[in-house]
Structure formats: structure tokens, C-alpha cells
Amino acid sequence: MTDPARYRDPRGASPFGYGVHHVQLAILPAGEDAARAFYVEVLGMTEVEKPPELAKRGGLWLRTDALELHLGVDPGHAPSAKAHPGILVADLDALAARLEPAGHQVAWDSDFIGYRRCYTRDPFGNRLEFLTPLGD
């Protein structure tokens, strides 16, 4: 059996000090209300004011805990079948229990060693992975 701790080894370090500031996902034009209903009302994120020069483009920015998402308007948006952010969650079961009654299908996947995870899609078809480490 594979040791799950092997997949949680400390990350390497580069001379550049990488980190993720935000992930951007695409939404359709005039999709801000649907985005708010999902990301704010269902996922519990907080919408933050975009800088005025960027607000003219539409979309919205969201923050919560250690996560920031930017939703940008793309008239030609076609969701990817595979591409997705992997979002760490402290209580995966509570999140899944909130998604399904709100009409967002949850697909469980046990193929990631050392983690429990599930997928859902936002109102624009963007795939989202939510995961939590298994206990040692």
C-alpha cells in the first residue's frame, strides 16, 4: 500500500518565491448575478470591489480564507472538461451537503492518494475540485 504521507512532502523552493495570488475563471456576459448566487450564497465567499478601471469589464472578484477567485467575462466561454482549480476545504462533507440541495451535482473521486475529494461545476460549467487531506 502506498504511504499517503509521501504525497504531502514539503514543497521545493525556488529562488523566485512563488505563490498563488488568485485563480481566474471565465463567466458569460451578464453572468454576475448567477455567479453571486453560486459563489457567495452557496460557497459562502465574499465579493470584493474591483478597481474602477477593471470593474468596467464586468465580472467579479471573490475572497475567503486563503483563496481568491477572479471571474472574468468571456463572450466565447466554453468550459474545459478537465482544467480546474484544486481548492482545499476544511469540511468537505459540509460543503457537499450544501452544494447538492442548491442543484450542483457532486462527483466523488477517491483516486488522489492522501486526500478525499469531489468535483462540481459552477453555473458556467467551470469544473471545481474540492479536497481535504486524509488524517494520518
N, C-alpha and C. Protein backbone atom coordinates (compact mmCIF):
# COMPACT_ATOMS: atom_id res chain seq x y z
N MET A 1 0.84 -1.19 0.00
CA MET A 1 0.00 0.00 0.00
C MET A 1 0.88 1.25 0.00
N THR A 2 0.49 2.24 -0.75
CA THR A 2 1.25 3.48 -0.86
C THR A 2 1.03 4.33 0.38
N ASP A 3 2.11 4.92 0.88
CA ASP A 3 2.05 5.77 2.07
C ASP A 3 1.50 7.15 1.68
N PRO A 4 0.31 7.54 2.19
CA PRO A 4 -0.26 8.84 1.84
C PRO A 4 0.64 10.02 2.21
N ALA A 5 1.45 9.88 3.27
CA ALA A 5 2.33 10.99 3.67
C ALA A 5 3.33 11.34 2.58
N ARG A 6 3.64 10.37 1.75
CA ARG A 6 4.59 10.58 0.66
C ARG A 6 4.10 11.71 -0.27
N TYR A 7 2.80 11.88 -0.38
CA TYR A 7 2.24 12.88 -1.28
C TYR A 7 2.01 14.22 -0.60
N ARG A 8 2.41 14.33 0.67
CA ARG A 8 2.30 15.61 1.38
C ARG A 8 3.67 16.11 1.81
N ASP A 9 4.71 15.66 1.14
CA ASP A 9 6.05 16.15 1.47
C ASP A 9 6.12 17.65 1.25
N PRO A 10 7.01 18.33 1.99
CA PRO A 10 7.14 19.78 1.79
C PRO A 10 7.49 20.11 0.34
N ARG A 11 7.02 21.25 -0.10
CA ARG A 11 7.30 21.70 -1.47
C ARG A 11 8.75 22.11 -1.59
N GLY A 12 9.23 22.05 -2.80
CA GLY A 12 10.56 22.57 -3.09
C GLY A 12 10.54 24.09 -3.01
N ALA A 13 11.70 24.67 -3.09
CA ALA A 13 11.81 26.13 -3.06
C ALA A 13 12.58 26.59 -4.28
N SER A 14 12.14 27.68 -4.86
CA SER A 14 12.84 28.27 -5.99
C SER A 14 13.46 29.58 -5.53
N PRO A 15 14.32 30.14 -6.32
CA PRO A 15 14.87 31.45 -5.96
C PRO A 15 13.87 32.59 -6.19
N PHE A 16 12.64 32.26 -6.68
CA PHE A 16 11.68 33.30 -7.05
C PHE A 16 10.57 33.51 -6.03
N GLY A 17 10.37 32.58 -5.07
CA GLY A 17 9.35 32.75 -4.04
C GLY A 17 7.92 32.72 -4.58
N TYR A 18 7.60 31.71 -5.38
CA TYR A 18 6.27 31.60 -5.97
C TYR A 18 5.16 31.43 -4.94
N GLY A 19 3.99 31.91 -5.29
CA GLY A 19 2.77 31.72 -4.53
C GLY A 19 1.61 32.07 -5.46
N VAL A 20 0.42 31.65 -5.13
CA VAL A 20 -0.74 31.96 -5.96
C VAL A 20 -1.48 33.13 -5.33
N HIS A 21 -1.68 34.19 -6.11
CA HIS A 21 -2.46 35.33 -5.64
C HIS A 21 -3.95 35.06 -5.88
N HIS A 22 -4.28 34.59 -7.09
CA HIS A 22 -5.67 34.29 -7.41
C HIS A 22 -5.72 33.33 -8.59
N VAL A 23 -6.89 32.78 -8.80
CA VAL A 23 -7.19 31.98 -9.98
C VAL A 23 -8.33 32.69 -10.69
N GLN A 24 -8.23 32.80 -12.02
CA GLN A 24 -9.31 33.42 -12.78
C GLN A 24 -10.08 32.35 -13.54
N LEU A 25 -11.40 32.44 -13.46
CA LEU A 25 -12.31 31.59 -14.21
C LEU A 25 -13.17 32.48 -15.08
N ALA A 26 -13.67 31.93 -16.17
CA ALA A 26 -14.49 32.70 -17.09
C ALA A 26 -15.97 32.53 -16.78
N ILE A 27 -16.71 33.62 -17.00
CA ILE A 27 -18.17 33.58 -16.93
C ILE A 27 -18.71 34.22 -18.21
N LEU A 28 -19.97 33.99 -18.49
CA LEU A 28 -20.59 34.58 -19.67
C LEU A 28 -21.02 36.02 -19.40
N PRO A 29 -21.18 36.83 -20.44
CA PRO A 29 -21.66 38.20 -20.26
C PRO A 29 -22.98 38.21 -19.48
N ALA A 30 -23.12 39.19 -18.62
CA ALA A 30 -24.30 39.36 -17.76
C ALA A 30 -24.48 38.18 -16.80
N GLY A 31 -23.39 37.48 -16.49
CA GLY A 31 -23.46 36.33 -15.60
C GLY A 31 -23.17 36.64 -14.14
N GLU A 32 -22.99 37.91 -13.81
CA GLU A 32 -22.60 38.26 -12.45
C GLU A 32 -23.61 37.81 -11.40
N ASP A 33 -24.90 37.94 -11.68
CA ASP A 33 -25.89 37.53 -10.67
C ASP A 33 -25.87 36.03 -10.44
N ALA A 34 -25.73 35.25 -11.50
CA ALA A 34 -25.62 33.79 -11.35
C ALA A 34 -24.34 33.43 -10.61
N ALA A 35 -23.28 34.16 -10.87
CA ALA A 35 -22.01 33.91 -10.17
C ALA A 35 -22.16 34.22 -8.68
N ARG A 36 -22.80 35.33 -8.36
CA ARG A 36 -23.02 35.67 -6.95
C ARG A 36 -23.86 34.61 -6.25
N ALA A 37 -24.91 34.15 -6.92
CA ALA A 37 -25.78 33.15 -6.31
C ALA A 37 -24.99 31.88 -5.97
N PHE A 38 -24.05 31.51 -6.80
CA PHE A 38 -23.26 30.30 -6.54
C PHE A 38 -22.10 30.57 -5.58
N TYR A 39 -21.23 31.51 -5.92
CA TYR A 39 -20.00 31.70 -5.16
C TYR A 39 -20.24 32.37 -3.80
N VAL A 40 -21.17 33.29 -3.73
CA VAL A 40 -21.44 33.98 -2.46
C VAL A 40 -22.47 33.21 -1.65
N GLU A 41 -23.62 32.92 -2.24
CA GLU A 41 -24.71 32.29 -1.48
C GLU A 41 -24.45 30.82 -1.18
N VAL A 42 -23.95 30.06 -2.13
CA VAL A 42 -23.75 28.62 -1.90
C VAL A 42 -22.38 28.34 -1.27
N LEU A 43 -21.32 28.88 -1.87
CA LEU A 43 -19.97 28.59 -1.36
C LEU A 43 -19.58 29.47 -0.17
N GLY A 44 -20.29 30.56 0.06
CA GLY A 44 -20.01 31.40 1.22
C GLY A 44 -18.84 32.33 1.07
N MET A 45 -18.45 32.64 -0.16
CA MET A 45 -17.34 33.56 -0.39
C MET A 45 -17.83 35.00 -0.26
N THR A 46 -16.89 35.93 -0.20
CA THR A 46 -17.19 37.35 -0.08
C THR A 46 -16.79 38.06 -1.37
N GLU A 47 -17.72 38.81 -1.93
CA GLU A 47 -17.39 39.61 -3.10
C GLU A 47 -16.63 40.85 -2.64
N VAL A 48 -15.56 41.18 -3.35
CA VAL A 48 -14.80 42.39 -3.05
C VAL A 48 -14.86 43.33 -4.25
N GLU A 49 -14.78 44.61 -3.96
CA GLU A 49 -14.86 45.61 -5.01
C GLU A 49 -13.65 45.54 -5.93
N LYS A 50 -13.92 45.51 -7.22
CA LYS A 50 -12.84 45.55 -8.21
C LYS A 50 -12.37 46.99 -8.38
N PRO A 51 -11.11 47.19 -8.72
CA PRO A 51 -10.65 48.55 -9.04
C PRO A 51 -11.49 49.12 -10.18
N PRO A 52 -11.79 50.42 -10.16
CA PRO A 52 -12.69 51.02 -11.16
C PRO A 52 -12.30 50.72 -12.61
N GLU A 53 -11.02 50.76 -12.91
CA GLU A 53 -10.60 50.52 -14.30
C GLU A 53 -10.86 49.08 -14.74
N LEU A 54 -10.90 48.14 -13.79
CA LEU A 54 -11.21 46.74 -14.12
C LEU A 54 -12.70 46.45 -14.01
N ALA A 55 -13.42 47.18 -13.16
CA ALA A 55 -14.86 46.97 -12.99
C ALA A 55 -15.61 47.21 -14.29
N LYS A 56 -15.07 48.08 -15.17
CA LYS A 56 -15.73 48.37 -16.45
C LYS A 56 -15.84 47.13 -17.32
N ARG A 57 -15.00 46.14 -17.07
CA ARG A 57 -15.00 44.92 -17.89
C ARG A 57 -16.06 43.91 -17.45
N GLY A 58 -16.70 44.16 -16.32
CA GLY A 58 -17.66 43.21 -15.78
C GLY A 58 -16.95 42.15 -14.96
N GLY A 59 -17.68 41.11 -14.60
CA GLY A 59 -17.11 40.05 -13.77
C GLY A 59 -17.11 40.45 -12.31
N LEU A 60 -16.49 39.63 -11.48
CA LEU A 60 -16.38 39.95 -10.06
C LEU A 60 -15.20 39.24 -9.44
N TRP A 61 -14.79 39.76 -8.30
CA TRP A 61 -13.71 39.18 -7.51
C TRP A 61 -14.29 38.65 -6.21
N LEU A 62 -13.76 37.52 -5.78
CA LEU A 62 -14.23 36.86 -4.56
C LEU A 62 -13.04 36.47 -3.70
N ARG A 63 -13.23 36.58 -2.38
CA ARG A 63 -12.18 36.16 -1.44
C ARG A 63 -12.82 35.44 -0.28
N THR A 64 -12.06 34.52 0.28
CA THR A 64 -12.42 33.86 1.54
C THR A 64 -11.21 33.11 2.05
N ASP A 65 -11.01 33.12 3.32
CA ASP A 65 -9.89 32.38 3.93
C ASP A 65 -8.61 32.65 3.14
N ALA A 66 -7.95 31.62 2.62
CA ALA A 66 -6.70 31.79 1.87
C ALA A 66 -6.92 31.67 0.36
N LEU A 67 -8.14 31.95 -0.10
CA LEU A 67 -8.50 31.76 -1.51
C LEU A 67 -9.01 33.06 -2.12
N GLU A 68 -8.57 33.35 -3.33
CA GLU A 68 -9.12 34.46 -4.10
C GLU A 68 -9.41 33.98 -5.51
N LEU A 69 -10.62 34.23 -5.97
CA LEU A 69 -11.03 33.90 -7.33
C LEU A 69 -11.44 35.18 -8.04
N HIS A 70 -11.05 35.29 -9.30
CA HIS A 70 -11.50 36.38 -10.16
C HIS A 70 -12.35 35.74 -11.25
N LEU A 71 -13.53 36.27 -11.46
CA LEU A 71 -14.43 35.77 -12.50
C LEU A 71 -14.48 36.84 -13.59
N GLY A 72 -13.93 36.49 -14.75
CA GLY A 72 -13.85 37.44 -15.86
C GLY A 72 -14.83 37.09 -16.96
N VAL A 73 -15.41 38.12 -17.57
CA VAL A 73 -16.39 37.94 -18.64
C VAL A 73 -15.67 37.52 -19.92
N ASP A 74 -16.17 36.45 -20.52
CA ASP A 74 -15.65 35.95 -21.79
C ASP A 74 -16.84 35.54 -22.66
N PRO A 75 -17.17 36.36 -23.68
CA PRO A 75 -18.33 36.05 -24.51
C PRO A 75 -18.24 34.68 -25.19
N GLY A 76 -17.04 34.20 -25.44
CA GLY A 76 -16.87 32.91 -26.10
C GLY A 76 -16.56 31.77 -25.15
N HIS A 77 -16.88 31.95 -23.88
CA HIS A 77 -16.52 30.95 -22.87
C HIS A 77 -17.10 29.58 -23.19
N ALA A 78 -16.22 28.60 -23.19
CA ALA A 78 -16.61 27.19 -23.31
C ALA A 78 -15.86 26.47 -22.20
N PRO A 79 -16.57 25.87 -21.23
CA PRO A 79 -15.87 25.26 -20.10
C PRO A 79 -14.99 24.10 -20.51
N SER A 80 -13.89 23.95 -19.81
CA SER A 80 -12.96 22.85 -20.05
C SER A 80 -13.49 21.58 -19.39
N ALA A 81 -13.26 20.47 -20.04
CA ALA A 81 -13.66 19.19 -19.46
C ALA A 81 -12.76 18.82 -18.28
N LYS A 82 -11.50 19.23 -18.30
CA LYS A 82 -10.55 18.79 -17.28
C LYS A 82 -9.94 19.90 -16.44
N ALA A 83 -9.63 21.04 -17.03
CA ALA A 83 -8.94 22.10 -16.28
C ALA A 83 -9.79 22.57 -15.11
N HIS A 84 -9.14 22.82 -13.97
CA HIS A 84 -9.87 23.22 -12.77
C HIS A 84 -8.91 23.68 -11.69
N PRO A 85 -9.38 24.53 -10.77
CA PRO A 85 -8.60 24.80 -9.56
C PRO A 85 -8.85 23.68 -8.56
N GLY A 86 -7.85 23.34 -7.78
CA GLY A 86 -7.98 22.40 -6.67
C GLY A 86 -8.05 23.22 -5.39
N ILE A 87 -9.19 23.21 -4.74
CA ILE A 87 -9.44 24.09 -3.60
C ILE A 87 -9.49 23.27 -2.31
N LEU A 88 -8.59 23.58 -1.38
CA LEU A 88 -8.58 22.89 -0.09
C LEU A 88 -9.77 23.35 0.75
N VAL A 89 -10.41 22.39 1.42
CA VAL A 89 -11.60 22.65 2.22
C VAL A 89 -11.44 21.95 3.57
N ALA A 90 -11.78 22.64 4.64
CA ALA A 90 -11.68 22.05 5.98
C ALA A 90 -12.79 21.03 6.23
N ASP A 91 -13.99 21.27 5.74
CA ASP A 91 -15.12 20.36 5.97
C ASP A 91 -15.78 20.01 4.64
N LEU A 92 -15.22 19.02 3.98
CA LEU A 92 -15.66 18.61 2.65
C LEU A 92 -17.10 18.10 2.66
N ASP A 93 -17.46 17.34 3.68
CA ASP A 93 -18.81 16.80 3.74
C ASP A 93 -19.85 17.91 3.90
N ALA A 94 -19.56 18.91 4.70
CA ALA A 94 -20.49 20.03 4.88
C ALA A 94 -20.65 20.81 3.58
N LEU A 95 -19.56 20.98 2.85
CA LEU A 95 -19.65 21.68 1.58
C LEU A 95 -20.49 20.88 0.58
N ALA A 96 -20.24 19.58 0.49
CA ALA A 96 -21.03 18.74 -0.42
C ALA A 96 -22.50 18.76 -0.05
N ALA A 97 -22.78 18.76 1.24
CA ALA A 97 -24.17 18.79 1.71
C ALA A 97 -24.84 20.12 1.37
N ARG A 98 -24.07 21.16 1.17
CA ARG A 98 -24.62 22.45 0.78
C ARG A 98 -24.79 22.57 -0.74
N LEU A 99 -23.89 21.94 -1.49
CA LEU A 99 -23.93 22.02 -2.94
C LEU A 99 -25.13 21.30 -3.55
N GLU A 100 -25.35 20.06 -3.11
CA GLU A 100 -26.38 19.24 -3.76
C GLU A 100 -27.79 19.81 -3.62
N PRO A 101 -28.23 20.25 -2.44
CA PRO A 101 -29.58 20.82 -2.36
C PRO A 101 -29.73 22.11 -3.17
N ALA A 102 -28.60 22.78 -3.47
CA ALA A 102 -28.63 24.00 -4.27
C ALA A 102 -28.61 23.70 -5.77
N GLY A 103 -28.65 22.39 -6.11
CA GLY A 103 -28.73 22.00 -7.50
C GLY A 103 -27.40 21.79 -8.20
N HIS A 104 -26.33 21.64 -7.44
CA HIS A 104 -25.00 21.44 -8.02
C HIS A 104 -24.53 20.02 -7.72
N GLN A 105 -24.49 19.20 -8.75
CA GLN A 105 -24.11 17.79 -8.61
C GLN A 105 -22.69 17.68 -8.06
N VAL A 106 -22.51 16.75 -7.14
CA VAL A 106 -21.20 16.47 -6.54
C VAL A 106 -20.75 15.09 -7.02
N ALA A 107 -19.56 15.04 -7.60
CA ALA A 107 -18.99 13.78 -8.07
C ALA A 107 -17.77 13.46 -7.20
N TRP A 108 -17.85 12.37 -6.46
CA TRP A 108 -16.75 11.97 -5.57
C TRP A 108 -15.71 11.18 -6.35
N ASP A 109 -14.45 11.33 -5.95
CA ASP A 109 -13.33 10.64 -6.61
C ASP A 109 -12.32 10.26 -5.54
N SER A 110 -11.98 9.00 -5.47
CA SER A 110 -11.04 8.52 -4.43
C SER A 110 -9.66 8.19 -5.00
N ASP A 111 -9.34 8.69 -6.19
CA ASP A 111 -8.09 8.32 -6.83
C ASP A 111 -6.89 9.17 -6.45
N PHE A 112 -7.05 10.16 -5.59
CA PHE A 112 -5.93 11.02 -5.20
C PHE A 112 -5.45 10.53 -3.83
N ILE A 113 -4.32 9.88 -3.80
CA ILE A 113 -3.80 9.28 -2.57
C ILE A 113 -3.58 10.36 -1.52
N GLY A 114 -4.08 10.10 -0.33
CA GLY A 114 -3.89 11.00 0.80
C GLY A 114 -4.95 12.07 0.94
N TYR A 115 -5.92 12.10 0.03
CA TYR A 115 -6.95 13.14 0.06
C TYR A 115 -8.33 12.53 -0.23
N ARG A 116 -9.35 13.15 0.33
CA ARG A 116 -10.73 12.94 -0.10
C ARG A 116 -11.04 14.12 -1.01
N ARG A 117 -11.77 13.85 -2.10
CA ARG A 117 -12.06 14.96 -2.99
C ARG A 117 -13.36 14.73 -3.74
N CYS A 118 -13.90 15.85 -4.21
CA CYS A 118 -15.09 15.81 -5.05
C CYS A 118 -15.01 16.95 -6.04
N TYR A 119 -15.83 16.83 -7.06
CA TYR A 119 -15.93 17.86 -8.10
C TYR A 119 -17.36 18.36 -8.21
N THR A 120 -17.47 19.59 -8.65
CA THR A 120 -18.77 20.14 -9.05
C THR A 120 -18.49 21.12 -10.17
N ARG A 121 -19.54 21.69 -10.72
CA ARG A 121 -19.40 22.71 -11.76
C ARG A 121 -20.20 23.94 -11.34
N ASP A 122 -19.65 25.11 -11.66
CA ASP A 122 -20.36 26.34 -11.36
C ASP A 122 -21.43 26.57 -12.44
N PRO A 123 -22.23 27.63 -12.36
CA PRO A 123 -23.29 27.84 -13.34
C PRO A 123 -22.81 28.03 -14.78
N PHE A 124 -21.51 28.21 -14.97
CA PHE A 124 -20.94 28.43 -16.30
C PHE A 124 -20.21 27.20 -16.81
N GLY A 125 -20.31 26.11 -16.05
CA GLY A 125 -19.68 24.86 -16.45
C GLY A 125 -18.24 24.71 -16.02
N ASN A 126 -17.68 25.70 -15.30
CA ASN A 126 -16.30 25.58 -14.81
C ASN A 126 -16.22 24.46 -13.79
N ARG A 127 -15.26 23.58 -13.96
CA ARG A 127 -15.06 22.46 -13.05
C ARG A 127 -14.29 22.95 -11.82
N LEU A 128 -14.76 22.58 -10.64
CA LEU A 128 -14.11 22.93 -9.38
C LEU A 128 -13.84 21.65 -8.61
N GLU A 129 -12.61 21.49 -8.15
CA GLU A 129 -12.24 20.35 -7.30
C GLU A 129 -12.09 20.86 -5.88
N PHE A 130 -12.74 20.17 -4.95
CA PHE A 130 -12.61 20.47 -3.53
C PHE A 130 -11.98 19.26 -2.87
N LEU A 131 -10.95 19.48 -2.04
CA LEU A 131 -10.27 18.35 -1.42
C LEU A 131 -9.83 18.67 -0.01
N THR A 132 -9.68 17.60 0.75
CA THR A 132 -9.21 17.72 2.13
C THR A 132 -8.26 16.56 2.41
N PRO A 133 -7.16 16.80 3.14
CA PRO A 133 -6.24 15.71 3.43
C PRO A 133 -6.88 14.67 4.33
N LEU A 134 -6.54 13.41 4.09
CA LEU A 134 -6.96 12.35 4.99
C LEU A 134 -6.14 12.44 6.27
N GLY A 135 -6.70 12.04 7.39
CA GLY A 135 -5.97 12.03 8.65
C GLY A 135 -4.82 11.04 8.60
N ASP A 136 -3.78 11.32 9.35
CA ASP A 136 -2.62 10.41 9.40
C ASP A 136 -2.90 9.22 10.28
